């Protein structure tokens, strides 16, 4: 069975692309060819839908639960649970923004390329982290620079 990416908002060039079941981008192909673009677009949209659905479930659970436990220990436990859920919800909100940004980059033809060097990001990295914006090398350099500047501020 194949997956057709018809009627996607944002870019018609993906409309006619059909992904065969089990398709995985390969280093043997041209980097970010239309099949790879369609593959990562589907991956990003599926991920976003999963996160949104999880957020909906979390919010429904929070609305159903009550903080009116008569026992102080039970109430404290519930408040801690709520706090963790809300923190998770905030992380999910930030993740959705990153996914949306990756989808925009895909539509703009910038997806898969390092925002620092312009070099292609390894397909394995994009598989593992579809929202990646830098190559591993650029990311490591960025983190080293960040660590040094943070250390200098604390001295």
C-alpha atoms as a PDB file:
ATOM      1  CA  UNK A   1       0.000   0.000   0.000  1.00  0.00           C
ATOM      2  CA  UNK A   2       1.284   3.489  -0.836  1.00  0.00           C
ATOM      3  CA  UNK A   3       0.684   6.774   0.915  1.00  0.00           C
ATOM      4  CA  UNK A   4      -0.373   9.685  -1.284  1.00  0.00           C
ATOM      5  CA  UNK A   5       0.318  13.171  -0.032  1.00  0.00           C
ATOM      6  CA  UNK A   6      -2.591  14.900  -1.728  1.00  0.00           C
ATOM      7  CA  UNK A   7      -4.086  18.217  -0.782  1.00  0.00           C
ATOM      8  CA  UNK A   8      -1.340  19.345   1.577  1.00  0.00           C
ATOM      9  CA  UNK A   9      -1.648  22.963   2.559  1.00  0.00           C
ATOM     10  CA  UNK A  10       1.357  25.051   1.742  1.00  0.00           C
ATOM     11  CA  UNK A  11       2.942  23.523  -1.336  1.00  0.00           C
ATOM     12  CA  UNK A  12       1.439  21.806  -4.366  1.00  0.00           C
ATOM     13  CA  UNK A  13       4.716  20.211  -5.485  1.00  0.00           C
ATOM     14  CA  UNK A  14       4.152  17.466  -2.904  1.00  0.00           C
ATOM     15  CA  UNK A  15       0.606  16.689  -4.125  1.00  0.00           C
ATOM     16  CA  UNK A  16       1.512  14.125  -6.780  1.00  0.00           C
ATOM     17  CA  UNK A  17       4.132  12.283  -4.751  1.00  0.00           C
ATOM     18  CA  UNK A  18       3.282   8.753  -3.686  1.00  0.00           C
ATOM     19  CA  UNK A  19       5.417   7.116  -1.012  1.00  0.00           C
ATOM     20  CA  UNK A  20       5.675   3.357  -1.169  1.00  0.00           C
ATOM     21  CA  UNK A  21       5.150   1.613   2.159  1.00  0.00           C
ATOM     22  CA  UNK A  22       8.484   1.066   3.836  1.00  0.00           C
ATOM     23  CA  UNK A  23      10.218   3.820   1.851  1.00  0.00           C
ATOM     24  CA  UNK A  24      13.242   5.224   3.677  1.00  0.00           C
ATOM     25  CA  UNK A  25      15.523   7.965   2.370  1.00  0.00           C
ATOM     26  CA  UNK A  26      18.872   6.633   1.239  1.00  0.00           C
ATOM     27  CA  UNK A  27      22.319   8.122   0.750  1.00  0.00           C
ATOM     28  CA  UNK A  28      22.195   6.606  -2.760  1.00  0.00           C
ATOM     29  CA  UNK A  29      19.549   9.154  -3.769  1.00  0.00           C
ATOM     30  CA  UNK A  30      19.909  12.833  -4.560  1.00  0.00           C
ATOM     31  CA  UNK A  31      19.746  14.705  -1.241  1.00  0.00           C
ATOM     32  CA  UNK A  32      16.319  16.186  -0.466  1.00  0.00           C
ATOM     33  CA  UNK A  33      14.772  14.979  -3.687  1.00  0.00           C
ATOM     34  CA  UNK A  34      10.953  15.196  -3.835  1.00  0.00           C
ATOM     35  CA  UNK A  35      10.552  11.683  -2.373  1.00  0.00           C
ATOM     36  CA  UNK A  36      12.728  12.551   0.621  1.00  0.00           C
ATOM     37  CA  UNK A  37      10.908  15.830   1.066  1.00  0.00           C
ATOM     38  CA  UNK A  38       7.538  14.057   0.998  1.00  0.00           C
ATOM     39  CA  UNK A  39       8.851  11.426   3.427  1.00  0.00           C
ATOM     40  CA  UNK A  40      10.035  14.001   5.968  1.00  0.00           C
ATOM     41  CA  UNK A  41       6.888  16.093   5.536  1.00  0.00           C
ATOM     42  CA  UNK A  42       4.762  13.052   6.366  1.00  0.00           C
ATOM     43  CA  UNK A  43       7.044  12.196   9.296  1.00  0.00           C
ATOM     44  CA  UNK A  44       6.784  15.749  10.671  1.00  0.00           C
ATOM     45  CA  UNK A  45       3.005  15.963  10.209  1.00  0.00           C
ATOM     46  CA  UNK A  46       2.459  12.553  11.814  1.00  0.00           C
ATOM     47  CA  UNK A  47       4.684  13.565  14.745  1.00  0.00           C
ATOM     48  CA  UNK A  48       2.822  16.838  15.175  1.00  0.00           C
ATOM     49  CA  UNK A  49      -0.555  15.071  15.135  1.00  0.00           C
ATOM     50  CA  UNK A  50       0.705  12.624  17.758  1.00  0.00           C
ATOM     51  CA  UNK A  51       1.905  15.460  20.012  1.00  0.00           C
ATOM     52  CA  UNK A  52      -1.348  17.391  19.552  1.00  0.00           C
ATOM     53  CA  UNK A  53      -3.395  14.292  20.370  1.00  0.00           C
ATOM     54  CA  UNK A  54      -1.297  13.670  23.479  1.00  0.00           C
ATOM     55  CA  UNK A  55      -1.830  17.299  24.512  1.00  0.00           C
ATOM     56  CA  UNK A  56      -5.578  16.933  24.064  1.00  0.00           C
ATOM     57  CA  UNK A  57      -5.569  13.827  26.239  1.00  0.00           C
ATOM     58  CA  UNK A  58      -3.512  15.616  28.892  1.00  0.00           C
ATOM     59  CA  UNK A  59      -5.855  18.591  28.947  1.00  0.00           C
ATOM     60  CA  UNK A  60      -8.917  16.333  29.141  1.00  0.00           C
ATOM     61  CA  UNK A  61      -7.338  14.460  32.045  1.00  0.00           C
ATOM     62  CA  UNK A  62      -6.519  17.709  33.847  1.00  0.00           C
ATOM     63  CA  UNK A  63     -10.102  18.900  33.397  1.00  0.00           C
ATOM     64  CA  UNK A  64     -11.517  15.621  34.724  1.00  0.00           C
ATOM     65  CA  UNK A  65      -9.232  15.408  37.739  1.00  0.00           C
ATOM     66  CA  UNK A  66     -10.060  17.431  40.764  1.00  0.00           C
ATOM     67  CA  UNK A  67      -7.816  19.139  43.269  1.00  0.00           C
ATOM     68  CA  UNK A  68     -10.476  18.839  45.954  1.00  0.00           C
ATOM     69  CA  UNK A  69      -9.015  15.876  47.792  1.00  0.00           C
ATOM     70  CA  UNK A  70      -9.766  16.235  51.491  1.00  0.00           C
ATOM     71  CA  UNK A  71      -6.463  14.708  52.527  1.00  0.00           C
ATOM     72  CA  UNK A  72      -3.547  17.151  52.497  1.00  0.00           C
ATOM     73  CA  UNK A  73      -1.075  14.534  51.280  1.00  0.00           C
ATOM     74  CA  UNK A  74      -3.403  13.507  48.433  1.00  0.00           C
ATOM     75  CA  UNK A  75      -3.890  17.131  47.440  1.00  0.00           C
ATOM     76  CA  UNK A  76      -0.127  17.770  47.455  1.00  0.00           C
ATOM     77  CA  UNK A  77       0.410  14.677  45.307  1.00  0.00           C
ATOM     78  CA  UNK A  78      -2.258  15.848  42.840  1.00  0.00           C
ATOM     79  CA  UNK A  79      -0.758  19.330  42.659  1.00  0.00           C
ATOM     80  CA  UNK A  80       2.647  17.822  41.921  1.00  0.00           C
ATOM     81  CA  UNK A  81       1.102  15.677  39.183  1.00  0.00           C
ATOM     82  CA  UNK A  82      -0.623  18.738  37.690  1.00  0.00           C
ATOM     83  CA  UNK A  83       2.610  20.697  37.766  1.00  0.00           C
ATOM     84  CA  UNK A  84       4.433  17.933  35.904  1.00  0.00           C
ATOM     85  CA  UNK A  85       1.631  17.646  33.351  1.00  0.00           C
ATOM     86  CA  UNK A  86       1.632  21.395  32.738  1.00  0.00           C
ATOM     87  CA  UNK A  87       5.419  21.423  32.350  1.00  0.00           C
ATOM     88  CA  UNK A  88       5.109  18.572  29.846  1.00  0.00           C
ATOM     89  CA  UNK A  89       2.362  20.489  28.042  1.00  0.00           C
ATOM     90  CA  UNK A  90       4.663  23.521  27.765  1.00  0.00           C
ATOM     91  CA  UNK A  91       7.436  21.336  26.305  1.00  0.00           C
ATOM     92  CA  UNK A  92       4.924  19.931  23.823  1.00  0.00           C
ATOM     93  CA  UNK A  93       3.885  23.453  22.807  1.00  0.00           C
ATOM     94  CA  UNK A  94       7.527  24.320  22.115  1.00  0.00           C
ATOM     95  CA  UNK A  95       7.995  21.071  20.185  1.00  0.00           C
ATOM     96  CA  UNK A  96       4.970  21.843  17.994  1.00  0.00           C
ATOM     97  CA  UNK A  97       6.496  25.240  17.181  1.00  0.00           C
ATOM     98  CA  UNK A  98       9.747  23.500  16.151  1.00  0.00           C
ATOM     99  CA  UNK A  99       7.845  21.005  14.013  1.00  0.00           C
ATOM    100  CA  UNK A 100       5.928  23.856  12.337  1.00  0.00           C
ATOM    101  CA  UNK A 101       9.226  25.616  11.686  1.00  0.00           C
ATOM    102  CA  UNK A 102      10.670  22.451  10.094  1.00  0.00           C
ATOM    103  CA  UNK A 103       7.581  22.130   7.875  1.00  0.00           C
ATOM    104  CA  UNK A 104       7.988  25.768   6.795  1.00  0.00           C
ATOM    105  CA  UNK A 105      11.665  25.118   5.981  1.00  0.00           C
ATOM    106  CA  UNK A 106      10.618  22.101   3.951  1.00  0.00           C
ATOM    107  CA  UNK A 107       8.110  24.145   1.946  1.00  0.00           C
ATOM    108  CA  UNK A 108      10.764  26.846   1.449  1.00  0.00           C
ATOM    109  CA  UNK A 109      13.329  24.314   0.213  1.00  0.00           C
ATOM    110  CA  UNK A 110      15.636  24.882   3.188  1.00  0.00           C
ATOM    111  CA  UNK A 111      14.869  21.692   5.110  1.00  0.00           C
ATOM    112  CA  UNK A 112      17.744  19.289   5.612  1.00  0.00           C
ATOM    113  CA  UNK A 113      20.438  21.917   5.289  1.00  0.00           C
ATOM    114  CA  UNK A 114      22.444  23.320   8.190  1.00  0.00           C
ATOM    115  CA  UNK A 115      21.392  26.844   9.107  1.00  0.00           C
ATOM    116  CA  UNK A 116      25.012  27.652  10.038  1.00  0.00           C
ATOM    117  CA  UNK A 117      27.100  26.053   7.278  1.00  0.00           C
ATOM    118  CA  UNK A 118      24.531  25.341   4.569  1.00  0.00           C
ATOM    119  CA  UNK A 119      25.804  21.746   4.379  1.00  0.00           C
ATOM    120  CA  UNK A 120      23.359  18.839   4.133  1.00  0.00           C
ATOM    121  CA  UNK A 121      22.348  17.357   7.491  1.00  0.00           C
ATOM    122  CA  UNK A 122      22.919  13.588   7.561  1.00  0.00           C
ATOM    123  CA  UNK A 123      19.801  11.566   6.769  1.00  0.00           C
ATOM    124  CA  UNK A 124      20.396   9.484   9.895  1.00  0.00           C
ATOM    125  CA  UNK A 125      20.299  12.661  11.996  1.00  0.00           C
ATOM    126  CA  UNK A 126      17.090  13.813  10.310  1.00  0.00           C
ATOM    127  CA  UNK A 127      15.560  10.368  10.882  1.00  0.00           C
ATOM    128  CA  UNK A 128      16.408  10.562  14.582  1.00  0.00           C
ATOM    129  CA  UNK A 129      15.617  14.267  14.978  1.00  0.00           C
ATOM    130  CA  UNK A 130      13.475  15.558  12.095  1.00  0.00           C
ATOM    131  CA  UNK A 131      13.517  19.088  13.549  1.00  0.00           C
ATOM    132  CA  UNK A 132      17.330  19.320  13.435  1.00  0.00           C
ATOM    133  CA  UNK A 133      18.576  22.614  12.008  1.00  0.00           C
ATOM    134  CA  UNK A 134      22.324  21.960  12.187  1.00  0.00           C
ATOM    135  CA  UNK A 135      24.774  19.255  11.256  1.00  0.00           C
ATOM    136  CA  UNK A 136      26.213  17.333  14.190  1.00  0.00           C
ATOM    137  CA  UNK A 137      29.508  19.193  13.802  1.00  0.00           C
ATOM    138  CA  UNK A 138      27.840  22.626  13.808  1.00  0.00           C
ATOM    139  CA  UNK A 139      25.649  21.604  16.772  1.00  0.00           C
ATOM    140  CA  UNK A 140      28.669  20.425  18.771  1.00  0.00           C
ATOM    141  CA  UNK A 141      30.541  23.657  18.002  1.00  0.00           C
ATOM    142  CA  UNK A 142      27.480  25.677  19.005  1.00  0.00           C
ATOM    143  CA  UNK A 143      27.195  23.769  22.293  1.00  0.00           C
ATOM    144  CA  UNK A 144      30.923  24.230  23.046  1.00  0.00           C
ATOM    145  CA  UNK A 145      30.636  27.964  22.394  1.00  0.00           C
ATOM    146  CA  UNK A 146      27.520  28.142  24.552  1.00  0.00           C
ATOM    147  CA  UNK A 147      29.252  26.249  27.360  1.00  0.00           C
ATOM    148  CA  UNK A 148      32.318  28.539  27.237  1.00  0.00           C
ATOM    149  CA  UNK A 149      30.205  31.701  27.307  1.00  0.00           C
ATOM    150  CA  UNK A 150      28.104  30.307  30.151  1.00  0.00           C
ATOM    151  CA  UNK A 151      31.275  29.422  32.109  1.00  0.00           C
ATOM    152  CA  UNK A 152      32.662  32.916  31.543  1.00  0.00           C
ATOM    153  CA  UNK A 153      29.483  34.488  32.911  1.00  0.00           C
ATOM    154  CA  UNK A 154      29.657  32.425  36.110  1.00  0.00           C
ATOM    155  CA  UNK A 155      33.310  33.277  36.822  1.00  0.00           C
END
